[in-house]
N, C-alpha and C. Protein backbone atom coordinates (compact mmCIF):
# COMPACT_ATOMS: atom_id res chain seq x y z
N MET A 1 0.98 -1.35 0.35
CA MET A 1 -0.03 -0.07 -0.08
C MET A 1 0.77 1.47 0.07
N GLU A 2 1.92 1.38 0.71
CA GLU A 2 3.15 2.37 0.83
C GLU A 2 3.47 2.59 -0.42
N LEU A 3 3.78 1.65 -1.21
CA LEU A 3 4.36 1.77 -2.70
C LEU A 3 3.49 2.13 -3.35
N GLN A 4 2.30 1.91 -3.59
CA GLN A 4 1.37 2.19 -4.31
C GLN A 4 0.54 3.88 -4.05
N ASN A 5 0.85 4.35 -2.73
CA ASN A 5 0.79 5.74 -2.53
C ASN A 5 1.86 6.61 -2.97
N THR A 6 3.03 5.70 -2.68
CA THR A 6 4.13 6.57 -3.31
C THR A 6 3.92 6.93 -4.91
N VAL A 7 3.76 5.91 -5.64
CA VAL A 7 3.52 5.96 -7.03
C VAL A 7 2.55 6.76 -7.54
N PHE A 8 1.67 6.91 -6.95
CA PHE A 8 0.44 7.79 -7.04
C PHE A 8 0.88 8.82 -6.90
N SER A 9 1.56 9.42 -5.75
CA SER A 9 1.79 10.91 -5.49
C SER A 9 2.92 11.26 -6.50
N ILE A 10 3.86 10.39 -6.82
CA ILE A 10 4.76 10.66 -7.75
C ILE A 10 4.23 11.12 -9.13
N LEU A 11 3.47 10.12 -9.70
CA LEU A 11 2.59 10.56 -10.87
C LEU A 11 1.64 12.00 -10.73
N ALA A 12 1.18 12.09 -9.62
CA ALA A 12 0.26 13.43 -9.56
C ALA A 12 1.12 14.53 -9.36
N VAL A 13 2.21 14.82 -8.81
CA VAL A 13 3.50 15.66 -8.77
C VAL A 13 3.72 16.10 -10.63
N SER A 14 4.18 14.72 -10.74
CA SER A 14 4.61 15.05 -12.25
C SER A 14 3.51 15.34 -13.25
N ALA A 15 1.92 15.10 -13.27
CA ALA A 15 1.30 15.68 -13.98
C ALA A 15 0.81 16.99 -13.44
N ILE A 16 0.73 17.39 -12.35
CA ILE A 16 0.83 18.74 -12.16
C ILE A 16 1.76 19.81 -12.65
N ILE A 17 3.14 19.29 -12.64
CA ILE A 17 4.04 19.75 -13.71
C ILE A 17 4.03 19.93 -15.11
N ILE A 18 3.31 19.00 -15.59
CA ILE A 18 3.28 19.12 -16.87
C ILE A 18 2.23 19.82 -17.50
N VAL A 19 1.03 20.31 -16.70
CA VAL A 19 0.00 20.99 -16.86
C VAL A 19 0.37 22.32 -16.80
N LEU A 20 1.32 22.47 -15.60
CA LEU A 20 1.88 24.01 -15.57
C LEU A 20 2.99 23.92 -16.63
N ILE A 21 3.58 23.24 -17.25
CA ILE A 21 4.60 23.63 -18.24
C ILE A 21 3.63 24.28 -19.89
N LEU A 22 2.60 23.46 -19.76
CA LEU A 22 1.61 23.68 -20.89
C LEU A 22 1.34 25.17 -20.66
N LEU A 23 0.81 25.38 -19.31
CA LEU A 23 -0.07 26.57 -19.75
C LEU A 23 1.11 27.63 -19.35
N VAL A 24 2.39 27.39 -19.20
CA VAL A 24 3.36 28.40 -19.32
C VAL A 24 3.56 28.89 -20.66
N ASN A 25 3.77 27.63 -21.30
CA ASN A 25 3.98 27.57 -22.94
C ASN A 25 2.81 28.20 -23.80
N ARG A 26 1.70 28.27 -23.28
CA ARG A 26 0.89 28.97 -24.14
C ARG A 26 0.84 30.43 -23.53
N SER A 27 0.92 30.65 -22.28
CA SER A 27 0.93 32.25 -21.91
C SER A 27 1.85 32.70 -22.43
N LEU A 28 3.42 32.05 -22.76
CA LEU A 28 4.23 32.60 -23.49
C LEU A 28 4.26 33.04 -24.94
N ARG A 29 3.53 32.29 -25.63
CA ARG A 29 3.06 31.99 -26.88
C ARG A 29 2.21 33.39 -27.30
N LYS A 30 1.61 33.76 -25.95
CA LYS A 30 0.49 34.88 -26.12
C LYS A 30 1.14 36.07 -25.69
N PHE A 31 2.07 35.96 -25.09
CA PHE A 31 3.02 37.42 -24.31
C PHE A 31 3.39 37.81 -25.55
N ASP A 32 2.89 39.59 -25.62
CA ASP A 32 3.73 40.33 -26.20
C ASP A 32 4.90 41.16 -25.50
N PRO A 33 5.90 40.83 -26.13
CA PRO A 33 7.29 41.24 -25.39
C PRO A 33 7.27 42.73 -24.97
N LEU A 34 6.98 43.58 -26.06
CA LEU A 34 6.83 44.93 -25.41
C LEU A 34 5.70 45.25 -24.42
N SER A 35 5.04 44.06 -23.87
CA SER A 35 4.11 44.68 -22.74
C SER A 35 4.62 44.27 -21.35
N GLU A 36 4.27 44.76 -20.04
CA GLU A 36 4.73 44.19 -19.17
C GLU A 36 4.21 42.51 -18.63
N PRO A 37 5.33 41.85 -18.36
CA PRO A 37 4.67 40.87 -17.79
C PRO A 37 4.27 40.63 -16.52
N LYS A 38 3.06 39.72 -16.54
CA LYS A 38 2.12 39.33 -15.16
C LYS A 38 1.83 38.30 -15.47
N GLY A 39 1.34 37.74 -14.63
CA GLY A 39 0.65 36.02 -14.00
C GLY A 39 1.93 35.25 -14.25
N LEU A 40 1.36 34.14 -15.05
CA LEU A 40 2.61 33.20 -15.34
C LEU A 40 3.75 33.27 -15.44
N VAL A 41 3.92 34.63 -16.49
CA VAL A 41 5.18 34.88 -17.44
C VAL A 41 6.01 35.56 -16.77
N LEU A 42 5.46 36.90 -15.66
CA LEU A 42 6.05 36.91 -14.54
C LEU A 42 6.80 36.22 -13.91
N LEU A 43 5.85 35.08 -13.25
CA LEU A 43 6.70 34.17 -12.47
C LEU A 43 7.82 33.59 -12.92
N MET A 44 7.42 33.11 -14.16
CA MET A 44 8.56 32.38 -14.88
C MET A 44 9.84 33.09 -15.10
N ILE A 45 9.65 34.47 -15.34
CA ILE A 45 10.68 35.20 -15.66
C ILE A 45 11.43 35.61 -13.94
N MET A 46 10.78 35.31 -13.06
CA MET A 46 11.46 35.70 -11.63
C MET A 46 12.20 34.53 -11.32
N LEU A 47 11.66 33.28 -11.50
CA LEU A 47 12.05 32.01 -11.41
C LEU A 47 13.46 32.32 -12.20
N ILE A 48 13.45 32.18 -13.40
CA ILE A 48 14.50 32.02 -14.37
C ILE A 48 15.89 32.79 -13.79
N ARG A 49 15.58 34.27 -13.49
CA ARG A 49 16.58 35.11 -12.97
C ARG A 49 17.08 34.63 -11.52
N PHE A 50 16.36 33.80 -10.75
CA PHE A 50 16.50 33.83 -9.71
C PHE A 50 17.50 32.34 -9.87
N VAL A 51 17.28 31.37 -10.49
CA VAL A 51 18.16 30.33 -10.76
C VAL A 51 19.41 30.64 -11.45
N GLU A 52 19.41 31.57 -12.51
CA GLU A 52 20.72 31.98 -12.98
C GLU A 52 21.32 32.76 -12.52
N GLY A 53 20.82 33.61 -11.32
CA GLY A 53 21.74 34.38 -10.26
C GLY A 53 22.31 33.35 -9.82
N MET A 54 21.62 32.07 -9.07
CA MET A 54 22.46 31.05 -7.98
C MET A 54 23.89 30.33 -8.84
N LEU A 55 23.21 30.38 -10.07
CA LEU A 55 24.27 29.60 -11.27
C LEU A 55 25.61 30.52 -11.48
N LYS A 56 24.99 31.47 -11.66
CA LYS A 56 26.55 32.43 -12.15
C LYS A 56 27.18 32.96 -10.56
N ASP A 57 26.72 32.83 -9.72
CA ASP A 57 27.26 33.05 -8.46
C ASP A 57 28.46 31.87 -8.16
N GLU A 58 28.08 30.54 -8.72
CA GLU A 58 29.04 29.27 -8.30
C GLU A 58 29.68 28.66 -9.61
N THR A 59 28.92 29.17 -10.79
CA THR A 59 29.71 28.79 -12.15
C THR A 59 30.05 29.43 -12.78
N ASN A 60 29.72 29.29 -14.11
CA ASN A 60 30.18 30.06 -15.15
C ASN A 60 28.98 30.09 -16.28
N GLU A 61 29.10 31.08 -17.01
CA GLU A 61 27.70 31.34 -18.28
C GLU A 61 27.69 30.15 -18.69
N LYS A 62 28.26 29.51 -19.14
CA LYS A 62 28.35 28.10 -20.15
C LYS A 62 27.28 27.23 -19.36
N ILE A 63 28.13 27.17 -17.94
CA ILE A 63 27.03 26.18 -16.94
C ILE A 63 25.73 26.29 -16.72
N THR A 64 25.89 27.76 -16.79
CA THR A 64 24.38 28.41 -16.33
C THR A 64 23.20 28.32 -17.45
N GLU A 65 23.85 27.93 -18.68
CA GLU A 65 22.89 27.81 -19.89
C GLU A 65 22.55 26.37 -19.93
N GLU A 66 23.49 25.42 -19.74
CA GLU A 66 23.45 23.97 -19.73
C GLU A 66 22.50 23.69 -18.55
N LEU A 67 22.74 23.82 -17.31
CA LEU A 67 21.78 23.37 -16.44
C LEU A 67 20.58 24.32 -15.84
N GLY A 68 20.43 25.58 -16.11
CA GLY A 68 19.28 26.30 -15.96
C GLY A 68 17.90 25.66 -15.94
N PRO A 69 17.59 24.95 -17.07
CA PRO A 69 16.53 24.14 -16.95
C PRO A 69 16.64 23.07 -16.13
N TYR A 70 17.33 22.33 -15.76
CA TYR A 70 17.24 21.39 -15.24
C TYR A 70 17.08 21.75 -13.65
N ILE A 71 17.91 22.77 -13.48
CA ILE A 71 17.89 23.36 -11.82
C ILE A 71 16.12 23.95 -11.84
N GLY A 72 16.06 24.37 -12.50
CA GLY A 72 14.62 25.33 -12.57
C GLY A 72 13.46 24.10 -12.45
N VAL A 73 13.45 22.99 -13.15
CA VAL A 73 12.69 22.20 -13.26
C VAL A 73 12.57 21.15 -11.83
N THR A 74 13.54 21.02 -11.25
CA THR A 74 14.25 20.26 -10.10
C THR A 74 13.86 21.04 -9.00
N MET A 75 13.72 22.25 -9.08
CA MET A 75 13.28 23.26 -7.56
C MET A 75 11.80 22.91 -7.83
N ILE A 76 11.05 23.57 -9.16
CA ILE A 76 9.73 23.08 -9.17
C ILE A 76 9.02 21.84 -8.36
N TYR A 77 9.78 20.56 -9.11
CA TYR A 77 9.40 19.25 -8.78
C TYR A 77 9.47 18.86 -7.09
N ILE A 78 10.83 19.45 -6.44
CA ILE A 78 11.10 19.22 -5.08
C ILE A 78 10.11 20.33 -4.30
N PHE A 79 9.70 21.09 -4.57
CA PHE A 79 8.68 22.08 -3.95
C PHE A 79 7.33 21.30 -3.85
N LEU A 80 6.65 21.16 -5.18
CA LEU A 80 5.62 20.60 -5.24
C LEU A 80 5.61 19.16 -4.32
N SER A 81 6.58 18.46 -4.67
CA SER A 81 7.09 17.06 -3.86
C SER A 81 6.42 17.66 -2.11
N ASN A 82 7.24 18.49 -1.65
CA ASN A 82 7.60 18.70 -0.38
C ASN A 82 6.17 19.23 0.35
N ILE A 83 5.10 19.78 -0.26
CA ILE A 83 4.03 20.57 -0.10
C ILE A 83 2.85 19.70 -0.43
N SER A 84 2.96 18.63 -1.23
CA SER A 84 1.79 17.81 -1.75
C SER A 84 1.06 17.52 -0.36
N GLY A 85 1.59 17.24 0.81
CA GLY A 85 0.76 16.86 2.00
C GLY A 85 -0.44 17.93 1.99
N LEU A 86 -0.68 19.25 1.46
CA LEU A 86 -1.45 19.80 1.77
C LEU A 86 -2.33 19.51 1.16
N LEU A 87 -2.36 18.68 0.23
CA LEU A 87 -3.56 18.16 -0.79
C LEU A 87 -3.69 16.60 -0.21
N SER A 88 -3.34 16.30 0.68
CA SER A 88 -3.59 15.05 1.11
C SER A 88 -3.40 14.05 0.46
N ILE A 89 -2.01 13.91 -0.08
CA ILE A 89 -1.07 12.75 -0.74
C ILE A 89 -0.12 12.90 0.05
N GLU A 90 1.12 11.55 -0.31
CA GLU A 90 1.92 11.39 0.40
C GLU A 90 2.77 12.00 -0.40
N PRO A 91 3.87 12.96 0.06
CA PRO A 91 5.02 13.60 -0.36
C PRO A 91 5.90 12.67 -0.86
N PRO A 92 6.07 12.86 -2.65
CA PRO A 92 6.91 11.85 -2.97
C PRO A 92 8.53 12.01 -2.27
N THR A 93 8.95 13.33 -1.79
CA THR A 93 10.27 13.34 -1.22
C THR A 93 10.50 12.67 0.52
N ALA A 94 8.81 12.20 0.82
CA ALA A 94 9.19 11.22 2.05
C ALA A 94 9.24 9.97 1.51
N ASN A 95 9.82 9.75 0.48
CA ASN A 95 10.06 8.27 0.14
C ASN A 95 11.76 8.53 -0.26
N PHE A 96 12.76 7.77 0.54
CA PHE A 96 13.92 7.65 0.39
C PHE A 96 14.56 7.77 -1.13
N SER A 97 13.76 6.77 -1.79
CA SER A 97 14.12 6.02 -3.16
C SER A 97 13.92 7.57 -4.10
N VAL A 98 12.98 8.31 -3.87
CA VAL A 98 13.13 9.46 -4.54
C VAL A 98 14.13 10.42 -4.36
N THR A 99 14.46 10.93 -3.07
CA THR A 99 15.42 11.73 -2.50
C THR A 99 16.73 11.25 -2.96
N LEU A 100 16.97 9.79 -2.97
CA LEU A 100 18.36 9.62 -3.30
C LEU A 100 18.80 9.24 -4.90
N SER A 101 17.27 9.37 -5.67
CA SER A 101 17.58 9.45 -6.97
C SER A 101 17.73 10.75 -7.40
N LEU A 102 17.57 11.97 -6.51
CA LEU A 102 17.67 13.19 -7.22
C LEU A 102 19.00 13.36 -6.87
N ALA A 103 19.52 12.95 -5.23
CA ALA A 103 20.67 13.16 -5.02
C ALA A 103 21.82 12.70 -6.00
N ALA A 104 21.43 11.39 -6.42
CA ALA A 104 22.27 10.76 -7.41
C ALA A 104 22.49 11.24 -8.97
N ILE A 105 21.49 11.92 -9.19
CA ILE A 105 21.77 12.81 -10.22
C ILE A 105 22.93 14.22 -10.12
N THR A 106 22.44 14.56 -9.04
CA THR A 106 23.59 15.82 -8.67
C THR A 106 25.05 15.24 -8.47
N CYS A 107 25.21 14.22 -7.95
CA CYS A 107 26.48 13.51 -7.56
C CYS A 107 26.89 13.48 -9.30
N ILE A 108 26.35 12.48 -10.41
CA ILE A 108 26.95 12.52 -11.44
C ILE A 108 27.09 13.81 -12.20
N LEU A 109 26.25 14.97 -12.32
CA LEU A 109 26.51 15.94 -12.69
C LEU A 109 27.93 16.50 -12.25
N ILE A 110 28.27 16.67 -10.56
CA ILE A 110 29.53 16.71 -9.96
C ILE A 110 30.76 16.34 -10.91
N GLU A 111 30.73 14.88 -10.95
CA GLU A 111 31.62 14.14 -11.72
C GLU A 111 32.07 14.46 -13.33
N VAL A 112 30.51 14.73 -13.90
CA VAL A 112 30.56 14.88 -15.38
C VAL A 112 31.46 16.26 -15.47
N TYR A 113 30.87 17.43 -14.71
CA TYR A 113 31.45 18.88 -14.93
C TYR A 113 33.13 18.76 -14.69
N SER A 114 33.43 18.23 -13.29
CA SER A 114 34.77 17.95 -12.84
C SER A 114 35.44 17.36 -14.08
N TRP A 115 35.14 16.34 -14.56
CA TRP A 115 35.88 15.80 -15.53
C TRP A 115 36.01 16.84 -16.55
N LYS A 116 35.04 17.22 -16.99
CA LYS A 116 34.77 18.11 -18.17
C LYS A 116 35.72 19.11 -18.26
N TYR A 117 35.81 19.65 -17.05
CA TYR A 117 36.78 20.99 -16.97
C TYR A 117 37.99 20.92 -16.33
N ARG A 118 38.43 19.89 -15.80
CA ARG A 118 39.81 19.41 -15.47
C ARG A 118 40.68 18.52 -16.43
N GLY A 119 39.72 17.77 -16.91
CA GLY A 119 40.24 16.62 -18.52
C GLY A 119 40.81 15.75 -17.34
N PHE A 120 40.71 14.58 -18.20
CA PHE A 120 41.14 13.21 -17.27
C PHE A 120 41.91 13.43 -16.25
N LYS A 121 43.18 13.52 -16.68
CA LYS A 121 44.15 13.71 -15.68
C LYS A 121 43.60 14.35 -14.68
N GLY A 122 43.20 15.37 -14.83
CA GLY A 122 42.81 16.53 -13.57
C GLY A 122 41.97 15.81 -12.70
N TYR A 123 41.10 15.23 -13.28
CA TYR A 123 39.78 14.67 -12.83
C TYR A 123 40.52 13.43 -11.56
N LEU A 124 41.25 12.82 -12.30
CA LEU A 124 42.13 11.77 -11.62
C LEU A 124 43.10 12.43 -10.42
N LYS A 125 43.57 13.23 -10.79
CA LYS A 125 44.80 13.82 -9.56
C LYS A 125 43.36 14.59 -8.43
N SER A 126 42.28 14.83 -8.98
CA SER A 126 41.48 15.18 -7.58
C SER A 126 41.36 14.52 -6.64
N TYR A 127 41.46 13.18 -7.06
CA TYR A 127 41.40 12.03 -5.71
C TYR A 127 42.15 11.61 -4.80
N PHE A 128 43.43 12.30 -5.43
CA PHE A 128 44.82 12.17 -4.46
C PHE A 128 45.23 13.54 -4.14
N GLU A 129 44.23 14.40 -4.20
CA GLU A 129 45.05 16.04 -3.54
C GLU A 129 44.35 16.36 -2.16
N PRO A 130 45.39 16.67 -1.57
CA PRO A 130 46.49 17.59 -1.92
C PRO A 130 47.77 16.52 -1.36
N ILE A 131 47.32 15.27 -0.78
CA ILE A 131 48.51 14.20 -0.95
C ILE A 131 48.25 12.92 -1.42
N ALA A 132 48.72 11.82 -1.85
CA ALA A 132 47.97 10.64 -2.31
C ALA A 132 47.53 10.04 -1.43
N VAL A 133 47.90 10.10 0.03
CA VAL A 133 47.49 9.12 0.78
C VAL A 133 46.15 9.39 1.63
N LEU A 134 45.54 10.31 1.05
CA LEU A 134 44.23 11.10 1.25
C LEU A 134 43.33 10.46 0.53
N PHE A 135 43.52 9.56 -0.32
CA PHE A 135 42.41 9.06 -1.66
C PHE A 135 41.50 7.98 -0.88
N PRO A 136 41.54 7.26 0.14
CA PRO A 136 40.59 6.91 0.67
C PRO A 136 39.41 8.03 0.94
N ILE A 137 40.20 9.14 1.66
CA ILE A 137 39.20 10.13 2.46
C ILE A 137 38.21 10.74 1.44
N ASN A 138 38.98 11.45 0.00
CA ASN A 138 38.36 11.89 -1.17
C ASN A 138 37.44 11.11 -1.52
N LEU A 139 37.46 9.70 -1.53
CA LEU A 139 36.60 8.69 -1.96
C LEU A 139 35.26 9.02 -1.25
N ILE A 140 35.86 8.86 -0.01
CA ILE A 140 34.61 8.78 1.09
C ILE A 140 33.66 10.13 1.21
N SER A 141 34.17 11.02 0.62
CA SER A 141 33.59 12.18 0.47
C SER A 141 32.76 12.08 -0.50
N LYS A 142 32.99 11.81 -1.81
CA LYS A 142 31.88 11.47 -2.67
C LYS A 142 30.60 10.94 -2.25
N VAL A 143 30.82 10.09 -1.55
CA VAL A 143 29.70 8.87 -1.16
C VAL A 143 28.89 9.77 -0.07
N SER A 144 29.55 10.29 0.77
CA SER A 144 28.92 11.32 2.03
C SER A 144 28.30 12.34 1.48
N THR A 145 28.90 12.86 0.25
CA THR A 145 27.59 14.12 -0.48
C THR A 145 26.33 13.11 -1.17
N LEU A 146 26.57 12.02 -1.56
CA LEU A 146 25.05 11.50 -2.00
C LEU A 146 24.23 11.06 -0.73
N ALA A 147 25.11 10.53 0.35
CA ALA A 147 24.27 10.39 1.84
C ALA A 147 23.70 11.81 2.24
N SER A 148 24.41 12.62 2.16
CA SER A 148 23.81 13.97 3.31
C SER A 148 22.34 14.62 2.36
N LEU A 149 22.88 14.52 0.98
CA LEU A 149 21.97 15.23 0.21
C LEU A 149 20.47 14.55 0.26
N SER A 150 20.77 13.37 -0.10
CA SER A 150 19.53 12.63 0.25
C SER A 150 18.95 12.45 1.35
N LEU A 151 19.25 12.20 2.45
CA LEU A 151 19.04 11.97 3.62
C LEU A 151 18.70 13.00 4.25
N ARG A 152 19.11 14.46 4.27
CA ARG A 152 18.76 15.90 4.58
C ARG A 152 17.51 15.92 4.29
N LEU A 153 17.18 15.91 2.85
CA LEU A 153 15.77 16.14 2.14
C LEU A 153 14.67 15.28 2.91
N PHE A 154 15.26 13.92 2.88
CA PHE A 154 14.08 13.07 3.47
C PHE A 154 13.57 13.09 4.54
N GLY A 155 15.05 13.13 5.70
CA GLY A 155 14.74 13.21 6.92
C GLY A 155 13.90 14.57 7.26
N ASN A 156 14.04 15.30 6.69
CA ASN A 156 13.02 16.48 7.21
C ASN A 156 11.74 16.44 6.80
N ILE A 157 11.67 15.93 5.48
CA ILE A 157 10.12 15.95 5.19
C ILE A 157 9.60 14.94 5.79
N VAL A 158 9.83 13.73 6.04
CA VAL A 158 9.42 12.66 6.96
C VAL A 158 9.29 13.52 8.54
N SER A 159 10.13 13.60 8.84
CA SER A 159 10.01 14.09 10.24
C SER A 159 8.71 15.05 10.54
N GLY A 160 8.73 16.29 9.24
CA GLY A 160 7.30 16.98 9.20
C GLY A 160 6.14 16.52 9.30
N SER A 161 6.51 15.40 8.63
CA SER A 161 4.97 14.64 8.33
C SER A 161 4.44 13.94 9.45
N ILE A 162 5.51 13.24 10.26
CA ILE A 162 5.16 12.73 11.46
C ILE A 162 4.90 13.13 12.70
N LEU A 163 5.38 14.51 12.73
CA LEU A 163 5.12 15.57 13.57
C LEU A 163 3.74 15.81 13.49
N MET A 164 2.89 16.15 12.19
CA MET A 164 1.84 16.17 11.84
C MET A 164 0.62 15.17 12.08
N MET A 165 1.19 14.04 12.23
CA MET A 165 0.28 12.93 12.66
C MET A 165 0.16 12.95 14.13
N VAL A 166 1.64 12.85 15.01
CA VAL A 166 1.17 13.14 16.18
C VAL A 166 0.12 14.20 16.67
N ILE A 167 0.54 15.41 16.10
CA ILE A 167 -0.13 16.48 16.58
C ILE A 167 -1.64 16.37 16.36
N TYR A 168 -1.92 15.86 15.35
CA TYR A 168 -3.46 15.32 14.80
C TYR A 168 -4.06 14.51 16.11
N ALA A 169 -3.00 13.41 16.45
CA ALA A 169 -3.94 12.36 17.11
C ALA A 169 -4.06 12.96 18.59
N MET A 170 -2.75 14.15 18.89
CA MET A 170 -3.42 14.57 20.09
C MET A 170 -4.37 15.60 20.34
N LEU A 171 -4.60 16.19 19.16
CA LEU A 171 -5.64 17.21 19.31
C LEU A 171 -6.75 16.23 19.15
N ALA A 172 -7.08 15.27 18.38
CA ALA A 172 -8.19 14.45 18.40
C ALA A 172 -8.63 13.68 19.60
N SER A 173 -7.39 13.60 20.36
CA SER A 173 -7.59 12.88 21.62
C SER A 173 -8.22 14.05 22.86
N VAL A 174 -7.61 15.44 22.37
CA VAL A 174 -8.31 16.30 23.49
C VAL A 174 -9.83 16.73 23.06
N SER A 175 -9.91 16.74 21.78
CA SER A 175 -11.23 17.36 21.49
C SER A 175 -12.21 15.84 21.81
N GLY A 176 -12.00 14.82 22.02
CA GLY A 176 -12.67 13.64 22.39
C GLY A 176 -12.95 13.87 23.80
N LEU A 177 -12.53 14.74 24.33
CA LEU A 177 -12.81 14.40 25.99
C LEU A 177 -13.91 15.85 26.24
N ILE A 178 -14.36 16.55 25.25
CA ILE A 178 -15.65 17.33 24.98
C ILE A 178 -16.84 16.71 24.84
N PRO A 179 -17.72 16.77 25.81
CA PRO A 179 -19.06 16.60 25.33
C PRO A 179 -19.66 16.59 24.34
N VAL A 180 -20.41 15.84 23.65
CA VAL A 180 -21.56 16.31 22.36
C VAL A 180 -20.59 16.74 21.25
N ILE A 181 -19.67 17.70 20.93
CA ILE A 181 -18.89 18.05 19.87
C ILE A 181 -17.61 16.97 19.88
N GLY A 182 -17.67 15.98 20.71
CA GLY A 182 -16.04 15.50 21.13
C GLY A 182 -15.68 14.70 19.85
N ASN A 183 -16.48 13.87 19.16
CA ASN A 183 -16.49 13.00 17.93
C ASN A 183 -15.75 13.63 16.91
N PHE A 184 -15.35 15.08 17.06
CA PHE A 184 -15.28 15.85 15.89
C PHE A 184 -13.98 16.57 16.11
N ASN A 185 -12.96 16.34 15.56
CA ASN A 185 -11.40 17.13 15.92
C ASN A 185 -11.50 18.46 15.60
N PHE A 186 -12.34 19.13 16.24
CA PHE A 186 -12.00 20.59 15.76
C PHE A 186 -11.15 21.38 16.33
N LEU A 187 -10.43 21.00 17.59
CA LEU A 187 -9.06 21.59 17.74
C LEU A 187 -7.97 21.21 16.48
N GLY A 188 -8.19 20.33 15.90
CA GLY A 188 -7.32 19.76 14.51
C GLY A 188 -7.77 21.14 13.44
N VAL A 189 -8.59 21.53 13.41
CA VAL A 189 -8.94 22.46 12.36
C VAL A 189 -8.57 23.76 13.11
N ILE A 190 -8.55 23.90 14.18
CA ILE A 190 -8.12 25.77 14.39
C ILE A 190 -6.76 25.71 14.75
N VAL A 191 -6.10 24.45 14.73
CA VAL A 191 -4.69 24.63 14.83
C VAL A 191 -3.84 24.18 14.00
N ALA A 192 -4.13 23.10 13.19
CA ALA A 192 -3.67 22.76 12.45
C ALA A 192 -2.93 23.26 10.90
N PRO A 193 -3.82 24.43 10.80
CA PRO A 193 -3.42 25.51 9.59
C PRO A 193 -2.12 26.13 9.79
N ALA A 194 -1.74 26.55 10.87
CA ALA A 194 -0.77 27.08 11.06
C ALA A 194 0.27 26.52 11.39
N LEU A 195 0.63 25.06 11.71
CA LEU A 195 1.32 24.12 11.74
C LEU A 195 1.66 23.15 10.20
N HIS A 196 1.00 23.58 9.50
CA HIS A 196 0.56 23.20 8.26
C HIS A 196 1.40 24.18 7.38
N PHE A 197 1.22 25.38 7.81
CA PHE A 197 2.06 26.36 7.04
C PHE A 197 3.74 26.16 7.49
N TYR A 198 4.12 25.93 8.50
CA TYR A 198 5.47 25.92 8.81
C TYR A 198 6.11 24.53 8.25
N PHE A 199 4.97 23.57 8.64
CA PHE A 199 6.00 22.07 8.46
C PHE A 199 6.10 22.05 6.92
N ASP A 200 5.09 21.93 6.11
CA ASP A 200 4.91 21.87 4.86
C ASP A 200 5.44 23.12 3.79
N LEU A 201 4.69 23.85 4.30
CA LEU A 201 4.77 25.26 3.11
C LEU A 201 6.22 25.66 3.38
N PHE A 202 6.45 26.28 4.63
CA PHE A 202 7.71 27.10 5.01
C PHE A 202 8.88 26.31 4.73
N ALA A 203 8.95 24.86 5.69
CA ALA A 203 9.79 23.69 5.08
C ALA A 203 10.07 23.27 4.20
N GLY A 204 9.19 23.01 3.16
CA GLY A 204 9.23 22.57 2.12
C GLY A 204 9.72 23.25 1.34
N LEU A 205 9.61 24.79 1.33
CA LEU A 205 10.52 25.97 0.36
C LEU A 205 11.93 25.72 1.24
N MET A 206 12.11 25.85 2.22
CA MET A 206 13.60 25.81 3.15
C MET A 206 14.61 24.82 2.64
N GLN A 207 13.70 23.61 2.47
CA GLN A 207 14.52 22.22 1.80
C GLN A 207 14.69 22.24 0.72
N THR A 208 13.67 22.67 -0.23
CA THR A 208 14.03 23.18 -1.45
C THR A 208 15.33 23.93 -1.98
N TYR A 209 15.31 25.15 -1.15
CA TYR A 209 16.23 25.96 -1.65
C TYR A 209 17.75 25.21 -1.09
N ILE A 210 17.31 24.35 0.06
CA ILE A 210 18.63 24.12 0.68
C ILE A 210 19.59 23.11 -0.19
N PHE A 211 18.27 22.15 -0.76
CA PHE A 211 19.18 21.00 -2.20
C PHE A 211 19.35 21.74 -2.92
N ILE A 212 18.79 22.67 -3.66
CA ILE A 212 19.27 23.18 -4.67
C ILE A 212 20.44 24.12 -4.84
N THR A 213 20.71 24.76 -3.25
CA THR A 213 21.95 25.44 -3.27
C THR A 213 23.19 24.51 -3.04
N LEU A 214 22.59 23.55 -2.41
CA LEU A 214 23.70 22.56 -2.24
C LEU A 214 24.68 21.93 -3.87
N SER A 215 23.27 21.47 -4.32
CA SER A 215 23.52 20.95 -5.51
C SER A 215 24.51 22.15 -6.45
N ILE A 216 24.39 23.07 -6.44
CA ILE A 216 24.96 24.15 -7.70
C ILE A 216 26.60 24.31 -6.67
N THR A 217 26.37 24.47 -5.51
CA THR A 217 27.92 24.58 -4.86
C THR A 217 28.98 23.61 -4.93
N PHE A 218 28.12 22.33 -4.99
CA PHE A 218 29.13 21.26 -4.85
C PHE A 218 29.81 21.43 -6.53
N ILE A 219 28.74 21.66 -7.70
CA ILE A 219 29.13 21.04 -8.62
C ILE A 219 30.01 22.63 -8.74
N GLY A 220 29.90 23.97 -8.36
CA GLY A 220 31.18 24.88 -8.70
C GLY A 220 32.47 24.76 -7.94
N LYS A 221 32.49 23.70 -6.78
CA LYS A 221 33.14 23.36 -6.22
C LYS A 221 34.49 22.83 -6.98
N GLU A 222 33.71 21.93 -8.05
CA GLU A 222 34.75 21.29 -8.85
C GLU A 222 35.43 21.83 -9.79
N LEU A 223 34.96 22.69 -10.51
CA LEU A 223 35.72 23.87 -11.28
C LEU A 223 37.11 24.05 -11.10
N PRO A 224 37.89 23.98 -12.23
CA PRO A 224 39.36 24.79 -11.70
C PRO A 224 39.27 26.00 -11.28
N ASP A 225 39.81 26.75 -10.42
CA ASP A 225 39.81 28.46 -10.20
C ASP A 225 40.51 29.00 -11.37
């Protein structure tokens, strides 16, 4: 059942993104470049500028053009996944296989750009820097990047979901002590919105920003000075 819920939530978030892409594409086709942007067009311009700014700070112009679309779509996917609990579906990022896959893509990009800009010899040399005996530590650091990126996102989303479940159960127990209306968890209706704002919306946004920022920073660190 858990696997089915995860598959459904992944498909649901993917479907939402596809619909958003179609809506943005339609808005861009109708947009007059001489007019003031608004609505979806304005949001996309803000997102693109934000992503480009982050990439340019850590990488270069060429990588910004290459990775911009991927970073932008990944940012949207992670954010929508993190807040999907608001739609009463299981957040895809509460499944470790999802966060591990996202982190694996980042790690692959790190190695690809390190090889591309350092060259084969420079890439191999990076594993033995600053001295050869540190090779095992450098190798472990590669694995630790995968673990830290995936576990950080997974752990924060899961912990938020568990806390909300515990809070709902506690509020339901307290509501049950009140006669007549005790069968209805009215305290949950009153208290939960503020908690959802933090654990789902705010925390979801922060974890998205952290994952994307770390991904870009790790890629930028592999570039030669």
